[in-house]
Amino acid sequence: NRINQSLEQIRKKANTEVLVDMVSFVPIYEY
C-alpha cells in the first residue's frame, strides 16, 4: 500500500525506470 501507488506515479515520468530490491524479512521480538 505504501509503495505501489508512488511507483505508479514515478513510472509515468519520462526517461524513468523503477526497480524494487528485497533487502530483508525477519521476525522481531519483545520482552
ModelCIF file with pLDDT and N, C-alpha, C, O atoms, coordinates in Angstrom:
data_MODEL
#
_entry.id   MODEL 
#
_entity.id                         1 
_entity.type                       polymer 
_entity.pdbx_number_of_molecules   1 
#
_entity_poly.entity_id                      1 
_entity_poly.type                           'polypeptide(L)' 
_entity_poly.nstd_linkage                   no 
_entity_poly.nstd_monomer                   no 
_entity_poly.pdbx_seq_one_letter_code       NRINQSLEQIRKKANTEVLVDMVSFVPIYEY 
_entity_poly.pdbx_seq_one_letter_code_can   NRINQSLEQIRKKANTEVLVDMVSFVPIYEY 
_entity_poly.pdbx_strand_id                 A 
#
loop_
_entity_poly_seq.entity_id 
_entity_poly_seq.num 
_entity_poly_seq.mon_id 
_entity_poly_seq.hetero 
1 1  ASN n 
1 2  ARG n 
1 3  ILE n 
1 4  ASN n 
1 5  GLN n 
1 6  SER n 
1 7  LEU n 
1 8  GLU n 
1 9  GLN n 
1 10 ILE n 
1 11 ARG n 
1 12 LYS n 
1 13 LYS n 
1 14 ALA n 
1 15 ASN n 
1 16 THR n 
1 17 GLU n 
1 18 VAL n 
1 19 LEU n 
1 20 VAL n 
1 21 ASP n 
1 22 MET n 
1 23 VAL n 
1 24 SER n 
1 25 PHE n 
1 26 VAL n 
1 27 PRO n 
1 28 ILE n 
1 29 TYR n 
1 30 GLU n 
1 31 TYR n 
#
_struct_asym.id          A 
_struct_asym.entity_id   1 
#
loop_
_ma_qa_metric.id 
_ma_qa_metric.mode 
_ma_qa_metric.name 
_ma_qa_metric.software_group_id 
_ma_qa_metric.type 
1 global pLDDT . pLDDT 
2 local  pLDDT . pLDDT 
#
_ma_qa_metric_global.metric_id      1 
_ma_qa_metric_global.metric_value   91.39 
_ma_qa_metric_global.model_id       1 
_ma_qa_metric_global.ordinal_id     1 
#
loop_
_ma_qa_metric_local.label_asym_id 
_ma_qa_metric_local.label_comp_id 
_ma_qa_metric_local.label_seq_id 
_ma_qa_metric_local.metric_id 
_ma_qa_metric_local.metric_value 
_ma_qa_metric_local.model_id 
_ma_qa_metric_local.ordinal_id 
A ASN 1  2 92.00 1 1  
A ARG 2  2 90.00 1 2  
A ILE 3  2 93.00 1 3  
A ASN 4  2 92.00 1 4  
A GLN 5  2 89.00 1 5  
A SER 6  2 92.00 1 6  
A LEU 7  2 93.00 1 7  
A GLU 8  2 92.00 1 8  
A GLN 9  2 93.00 1 9  
A ILE 10 2 94.00 1 10 
A ARG 11 2 92.00 1 11 
A LYS 12 2 91.00 1 12 
A LYS 13 2 90.00 1 13 
A ALA 14 2 89.00 1 14 
A ASN 15 2 91.00 1 15 
A THR 16 2 94.00 1 16 
A GLU 17 2 95.00 1 17 
A VAL 18 2 96.00 1 18 
A LEU 19 2 95.00 1 19 
A VAL 20 2 95.00 1 20 
A ASP 21 2 93.00 1 21 
A MET 22 2 93.00 1 22 
A VAL 23 2 93.00 1 23 
A SER 24 2 93.00 1 24 
A PHE 25 2 91.00 1 25 
A VAL 26 2 92.00 1 26 
A PRO 27 2 90.00 1 27 
A ILE 28 2 88.00 1 28 
A TYR 29 2 85.00 1 29 
A GLU 30 2 84.00 1 30 
A TYR 31 2 83.00 1 31 
#
loop_
_atom_site.group_PDB 
_atom_site.id 
_atom_site.type_symbol 
_atom_site.label_atom_id 
_atom_site.label_alt_id 
_atom_site.label_comp_id 
_atom_site.label_asym_id 
_atom_site.label_entity_id 
_atom_site.label_seq_id 
_atom_site.pdbx_PDB_ins_code 
_atom_site.Cartn_x 
_atom_site.Cartn_y 
_atom_site.Cartn_z 
_atom_site.occupancy 
_atom_site.B_iso_or_equiv 
_atom_site.pdbx_formal_charge 
_atom_site.auth_seq_id 
_atom_site.auth_comp_id 
_atom_site.auth_asym_id 
_atom_site.auth_atom_id 
_atom_site.pdbx_PDB_model_num 
ATOM 1   N N  . ASN A 1 1  ? 0.820  -1.210  0.000   1.00 92.00 ? 1  ASN A N  1 
ATOM 2   C CA . ASN A 1 1  ? 0.000  0.000   0.000   1.00 92.00 ? 1  ASN A CA 1 
ATOM 3   C C  . ASN A 1 1  ? 0.855  1.261   0.000   1.00 92.00 ? 1  ASN A C  1 
ATOM 4   O O  . ASN A 1 1  ? 0.470  2.273   -0.586  1.00 92.00 ? 1  ASN A O  1 
ATOM 5   N N  . ARG A 1 2  ? 2.017  1.205   0.658   1.00 90.00 ? 2  ARG A N  1 
ATOM 6   C CA . ARG A 1 2  ? 2.879  2.386   0.746   1.00 90.00 ? 2  ARG A CA 1 
ATOM 7   C C  . ARG A 1 2  ? 3.581  2.682   -0.587  1.00 90.00 ? 2  ARG A C  1 
ATOM 8   O O  . ARG A 1 2  ? 3.677  3.837   -1.000  1.00 90.00 ? 2  ARG A O  1 
ATOM 9   N N  . ILE A 1 3  ? 4.067  1.637   -1.249  1.00 93.00 ? 3  ILE A N  1 
ATOM 10  C CA . ILE A 1 3  ? 4.955  1.889   -2.389  1.00 93.00 ? 3  ILE A CA 1 
ATOM 11  C C  . ILE A 1 3  ? 4.294  1.776   -3.759  1.00 93.00 ? 3  ILE A C  1 
ATOM 12  O O  . ILE A 1 3  ? 4.737  2.430   -4.703  1.00 93.00 ? 3  ILE A O  1 
ATOM 13  N N  . ASN A 1 4  ? 3.234  0.956   -3.894  1.00 92.00 ? 4  ASN A N  1 
ATOM 14  C CA . ASN A 1 4  ? 2.702  0.706   -5.246  1.00 92.00 ? 4  ASN A CA 1 
ATOM 15  C C  . ASN A 1 4  ? 2.160  1.967   -5.900  1.00 92.00 ? 4  ASN A C  1 
ATOM 16  O O  . ASN A 1 4  ? 2.442  2.229   -7.069  1.00 92.00 ? 4  ASN A O  1 
ATOM 17  N N  . GLN A 1 5  ? 1.384  2.750   -5.156  1.00 89.00 ? 5  GLN A N  1 
ATOM 18  C CA . GLN A 1 5  ? 0.806  3.953   -5.729  1.00 89.00 ? 5  GLN A CA 1 
ATOM 19  C C  . GLN A 1 5  ? 1.885  4.967   -6.096  1.00 89.00 ? 5  GLN A C  1 
ATOM 20  O O  . GLN A 1 5  ? 1.794  5.629   -7.130  1.00 89.00 ? 5  GLN A O  1 
ATOM 21  N N  . SER A 1 6  ? 2.914  5.090   -5.242  1.00 92.00 ? 6  SER A N  1 
ATOM 22  C CA . SER A 1 6  ? 4.003  6.018   -5.528  1.00 92.00 ? 6  SER A CA 1 
ATOM 23  C C  . SER A 1 6  ? 4.790  5.591   -6.762  1.00 92.00 ? 6  SER A C  1 
ATOM 24  O O  . SER A 1 6  ? 5.119  6.421   -7.609  1.00 92.00 ? 6  SER A O  1 
ATOM 25  N N  . LEU A 1 7  ? 5.091  4.301   -6.864  1.00 93.00 ? 7  LEU A N  1 
ATOM 26  C CA . LEU A 1 7  ? 5.870  3.817   -8.000  1.00 93.00 ? 7  LEU A CA 1 
ATOM 27  C C  . LEU A 1 7  ? 5.101  3.976   -9.306  1.00 93.00 ? 7  LEU A C  1 
ATOM 28  O O  . LEU A 1 7  ? 5.699  4.227   -10.353 1.00 93.00 ? 7  LEU A O  1 
ATOM 29  N N  . GLU A 1 8  ? 3.787  3.834   -9.250  1.00 92.00 ? 8  GLU A N  1 
ATOM 30  C CA . GLU A 1 8  ? 2.973  4.022   -10.454 1.00 92.00 ? 8  GLU A CA 1 
ATOM 31  C C  . GLU A 1 8  ? 3.084  5.465   -10.961 1.00 92.00 ? 8  GLU A C  1 
ATOM 32  O O  . GLU A 1 8  ? 3.147  5.694   -12.168 1.00 92.00 ? 8  GLU A O  1 
ATOM 33  N N  . GLN A 1 9  ? 3.108  6.427   -10.050 1.00 93.00 ? 9  GLN A N  1 
ATOM 34  C CA . GLN A 1 9  ? 3.261  7.836   -10.457 1.00 93.00 ? 9  GLN A CA 1 
ATOM 35  C C  . GLN A 1 9  ? 4.660  8.115   -11.003 1.00 93.00 ? 9  GLN A C  1 
ATOM 36  O O  . GLN A 1 9  ? 4.818  8.869   -11.964 1.00 93.00 ? 9  GLN A O  1 
ATOM 37  N N  . ILE A 1 10 ? 5.670  7.505   -10.389 1.00 94.00 ? 10 ILE A N  1 
ATOM 38  C CA . ILE A 1 10 ? 7.041  7.752   -10.836 1.00 94.00 ? 10 ILE A CA 1 
ATOM 39  C C  . ILE A 1 10 ? 7.270  7.163   -12.222 1.00 94.00 ? 10 ILE A C  1 
ATOM 40  O O  . ILE A 1 10 ? 7.957  7.767   -13.046 1.00 94.00 ? 10 ILE A O  1 
ATOM 41  N N  . ARG A 1 11 ? 6.701  5.986   -12.489 1.00 92.00 ? 11 ARG A N  1 
ATOM 42  C CA . ARG A 1 11 ? 6.881  5.350   -13.800 1.00 92.00 ? 11 ARG A CA 1 
ATOM 43  C C  . ARG A 1 11 ? 6.296  6.186   -14.940 1.00 92.00 ? 11 ARG A C  1 
ATOM 44  O O  . ARG A 1 11 ? 6.696  6.023   -16.093 1.00 92.00 ? 11 ARG A O  1 
ATOM 45  N N  . LYS A 1 12 ? 5.360  7.073   -14.631 1.00 91.00 ? 12 LYS A N  1 
ATOM 46  C CA . LYS A 1 12 ? 4.760  7.911   -15.662 1.00 91.00 ? 12 LYS A CA 1 
ATOM 47  C C  . LYS A 1 12 ? 5.702  9.017   -16.135 1.00 91.00 ? 12 LYS A C  1 
ATOM 48  O O  . LYS A 1 12 ? 5.480  9.612   -17.189 1.00 91.00 ? 12 LYS A O  1 
ATOM 49  N N  . LYS A 1 13 ? 6.749  9.294   -15.362 1.00 90.00 ? 13 LYS A N  1 
ATOM 50  C CA . LYS A 1 13 ? 7.709  10.318  -15.760 1.00 90.00 ? 13 LYS A CA 1 
ATOM 51  C C  . LYS A 1 13 ? 8.558  9.824   -16.929 1.00 90.00 ? 13 LYS A C  1 
ATOM 52  O O  . LYS A 1 13 ? 8.868  8.637   -17.026 1.00 90.00 ? 13 LYS A O  1 
ATOM 53  N N  . ALA A 1 14 ? 8.925  10.738  -17.803 1.00 89.00 ? 14 ALA A N  1 
ATOM 54  C CA . ALA A 1 14 ? 9.722  10.374  -18.976 1.00 89.00 ? 14 ALA A CA 1 
ATOM 55  C C  . ALA A 1 14 ? 11.132 9.970   -18.565 1.00 89.00 ? 14 ALA A C  1 
ATOM 56  O O  . ALA A 1 14 ? 11.709 10.546  -17.643 1.00 89.00 ? 14 ALA A O  1 
ATOM 57  N N  . ASN A 1 15 ? 11.681 8.975   -19.259 1.00 91.00 ? 15 ASN A N  1 
ATOM 58  C CA . ASN A 1 15 ? 13.062 8.510   -19.057 1.00 91.00 ? 15 ASN A CA 1 
ATOM 59  C C  . ASN A 1 15 ? 13.324 8.107   -17.608 1.00 91.00 ? 15 ASN A C  1 
ATOM 60  O O  . ASN A 1 15 ? 14.378 8.397   -17.041 1.00 91.00 ? 15 ASN A O  1 
ATOM 61  N N  . THR A 1 16 ? 12.332 7.427   -17.025 1.00 94.00 ? 16 THR A N  1 
ATOM 62  C CA . THR A 1 16 ? 12.453 6.997   -15.632 1.00 94.00 ? 16 THR A CA 1 
ATOM 63  C C  . THR A 1 16 ? 12.153 5.505   -15.525 1.00 94.00 ? 16 THR A C  1 
ATOM 64  O O  . THR A 1 16 ? 11.181 5.018   -16.103 1.00 94.00 ? 16 THR A O  1 
ATOM 65  N N  . GLU A 1 17 ? 12.988 4.784   -14.786 1.00 95.00 ? 17 GLU A N  1 
ATOM 66  C CA . GLU A 1 17 ? 12.793 3.360   -14.541 1.00 95.00 ? 17 GLU A CA 1 
ATOM 67  C C  . GLU A 1 17 ? 12.834 3.101   -13.051 1.00 95.00 ? 17 GLU A C  1 
ATOM 68  O O  . GLU A 1 17 ? 13.511 3.806   -12.303 1.00 95.00 ? 17 GLU A O  1 
ATOM 69  N N  . VAL A 1 18 ? 12.088 2.065   -12.619 1.00 96.00 ? 18 VAL A N  1 
ATOM 70  C CA . VAL A 1 18 ? 11.977 1.754   -11.195 1.00 96.00 ? 18 VAL A CA 1 
ATOM 71  C C  . VAL A 1 18 ? 12.227 0.268   -10.982 1.00 96.00 ? 18 VAL A C  1 
ATOM 72  O O  . VAL A 1 18 ? 11.741 -0.574  -11.737 1.00 96.00 ? 18 VAL A O  1 
ATOM 73  N N  . LEU A 1 19 ? 13.000 -0.039  -9.932  1.00 95.00 ? 19 LEU A N  1 
ATOM 74  C CA . LEU A 1 19 ? 13.255 -1.423  -9.543  1.00 95.00 ? 19 LEU A CA 1 
ATOM 75  C C  . LEU A 1 19 ? 13.164 -1.524  -8.029  1.00 95.00 ? 19 LEU A C  1 
ATOM 76  O O  . LEU A 1 19 ? 13.749 -0.712  -7.312  1.00 95.00 ? 19 LEU A O  1 
ATOM 77  N N  . VAL A 1 20 ? 12.421 -2.531  -7.534  1.00 95.00 ? 20 VAL A N  1 
ATOM 78  C CA . VAL A 1 20 ? 12.285 -2.761  -6.101  1.00 95.00 ? 20 VAL A CA 1 
ATOM 79  C C  . VAL A 1 20 ? 13.168 -3.935  -5.717  1.00 95.00 ? 20 VAL A C  1 
ATOM 80  O O  . VAL A 1 20 ? 13.043 -5.028  -6.269  1.00 95.00 ? 20 VAL A O  1 
ATOM 81  N N  . ASP A 1 21 ? 14.063 -3.699  -4.763  1.00 93.00 ? 21 ASP A N  1 
ATOM 82  C CA . ASP A 1 21 ? 15.030 -4.705  -4.336  1.00 93.00 ? 21 ASP A CA 1 
ATOM 83  C C  . ASP A 1 21 ? 14.683 -5.173  -2.923  1.00 93.00 ? 21 ASP A C  1 
ATOM 84  O O  . ASP A 1 21 ? 14.596 -4.368  -1.996  1.00 93.00 ? 21 ASP A O  1 
ATOM 85  N N  . MET A 1 22 ? 14.486 -6.492  -2.770  1.00 93.00 ? 22 MET A N  1 
ATOM 86  C CA . MET A 1 22 ? 14.189 -7.082  -1.466  1.00 93.00 ? 22 MET A CA 1 
ATOM 87  C C  . MET A 1 22 ? 15.464 -7.118  -0.632  1.00 93.00 ? 22 MET A C  1 
ATOM 88  O O  . MET A 1 22 ? 16.473 -7.670  -1.069  1.00 93.00 ? 22 MET A O  1 
ATOM 89  N N  . VAL A 1 23 ? 15.428 -6.530  0.572   1.00 93.00 ? 23 VAL A N  1 
ATOM 90  C CA . VAL A 1 23 ? 16.615 -6.463  1.424   1.00 93.00 ? 23 VAL A CA 1 
ATOM 91  C C  . VAL A 1 23 ? 16.552 -7.497  2.539   1.00 93.00 ? 23 VAL A C  1 
ATOM 92  O O  . VAL A 1 23 ? 17.464 -8.314  2.664   1.00 93.00 ? 23 VAL A O  1 
ATOM 93  N N  . SER A 1 24 ? 15.503 -7.482  3.348   1.00 93.00 ? 24 SER A N  1 
ATOM 94  C CA . SER A 1 24 ? 15.400 -8.440  4.455   1.00 93.00 ? 24 SER A CA 1 
ATOM 95  C C  . SER A 1 24 ? 13.940 -8.592  4.885   1.00 93.00 ? 24 SER A C  1 
ATOM 96  O O  . SER A 1 24 ? 13.114 -7.698  4.697   1.00 93.00 ? 24 SER A O  1 
ATOM 97  N N  . PHE A 1 25 ? 13.657 -9.750  5.466   1.00 91.00 ? 25 PHE A N  1 
ATOM 98  C CA . PHE A 1 25 ? 12.332 -10.040 6.013   1.00 91.00 ? 25 PHE A CA 1 
ATOM 99  C C  . PHE A 1 25 ? 12.559 -10.935 7.230   1.00 91.00 ? 25 PHE A C  1 
ATOM 100 O O  . PHE A 1 25 ? 12.748 -12.144 7.091   1.00 91.00 ? 25 PHE A O  1 
ATOM 101 N N  . VAL A 1 26 ? 12.538 -10.329 8.436   1.00 92.00 ? 26 VAL A N  1 
ATOM 102 C CA . VAL A 1 26 ? 12.941 -11.053 9.643   1.00 92.00 ? 26 VAL A CA 1 
ATOM 103 C C  . VAL A 1 26 ? 11.889 -10.878 10.730  1.00 92.00 ? 26 VAL A C  1 
ATOM 104 O O  . VAL A 1 26 ? 11.162 -9.885  10.747  1.00 92.00 ? 26 VAL A O  1 
ATOM 105 N N  . PRO A 1 27 ? 11.813 -11.855 11.645  1.00 90.00 ? 27 PRO A N  1 
ATOM 106 C CA . PRO A 1 27 ? 10.919 -11.688 12.813  1.00 90.00 ? 27 PRO A CA 1 
ATOM 107 C C  . PRO A 1 27 ? 11.529 -10.728 13.822  1.00 90.00 ? 27 PRO A C  1 
ATOM 108 O O  . PRO A 1 27 ? 12.749 -10.604 13.919  1.00 90.00 ? 27 PRO A O  1 
ATOM 109 N N  . ILE A 1 28 ? 10.679 -10.061 14.560  1.00 88.00 ? 28 ILE A N  1 
ATOM 110 C CA . ILE A 1 28 ? 11.139 -9.178  15.631  1.00 88.00 ? 28 ILE A CA 1 
ATOM 111 C C  . ILE A 1 28 ? 10.570 -9.688  16.955  1.00 88.00 ? 28 ILE A C  1 
ATOM 112 O O  . ILE A 1 28 ? 9.528  -10.341 17.002  1.00 88.00 ? 28 ILE A O  1 
ATOM 113 N N  . TYR A 1 29 ? 11.299 -9.362  18.034  1.00 85.00 ? 29 TYR A N  1 
ATOM 114 C CA . TYR A 1 29 ? 10.934 -9.892  19.349  1.00 85.00 ? 29 TYR A CA 1 
ATOM 115 C C  . TYR A 1 29 ? 10.803 -8.759  20.356  1.00 85.00 ? 29 TYR A C  1 
ATOM 116 O O  . TYR A 1 29 ? 11.330 -7.663  20.165  1.00 85.00 ? 29 TYR A O  1 
ATOM 117 N N  . GLU A 1 30 ? 10.078 -9.058  21.440  1.00 84.00 ? 30 GLU A N  1 
ATOM 118 C CA . GLU A 1 30 ? 9.967  -8.153  22.561  1.00 84.00 ? 30 GLU A CA 1 
ATOM 119 C C  . GLU A 1 30 ? 10.023 -8.977  23.858  1.00 84.00 ? 30 GLU A C  1 
ATOM 120 O O  . GLU A 1 30 ? 9.942  -10.205 23.828  1.00 84.00 ? 30 GLU A O  1 
ATOM 121 N N  . TYR A 1 31 ? 10.161 -8.286  24.987  1.00 83.00 ? 31 TYR A N  1 
ATOM 122 C CA . TYR A 1 31 ? 10.287 -8.987  26.269  1.00 83.00 ? 31 TYR A CA 1 
ATOM 123 C C  . TYR A 1 31 ? 8.954  -8.996  27.015  1.00 83.00 ? 31 TYR A C  1 
ATOM 124 O O  . TYR A 1 31 ? 8.866  -9.541  28.115  1.00 83.00 ? 31 TYR A O  1 
#
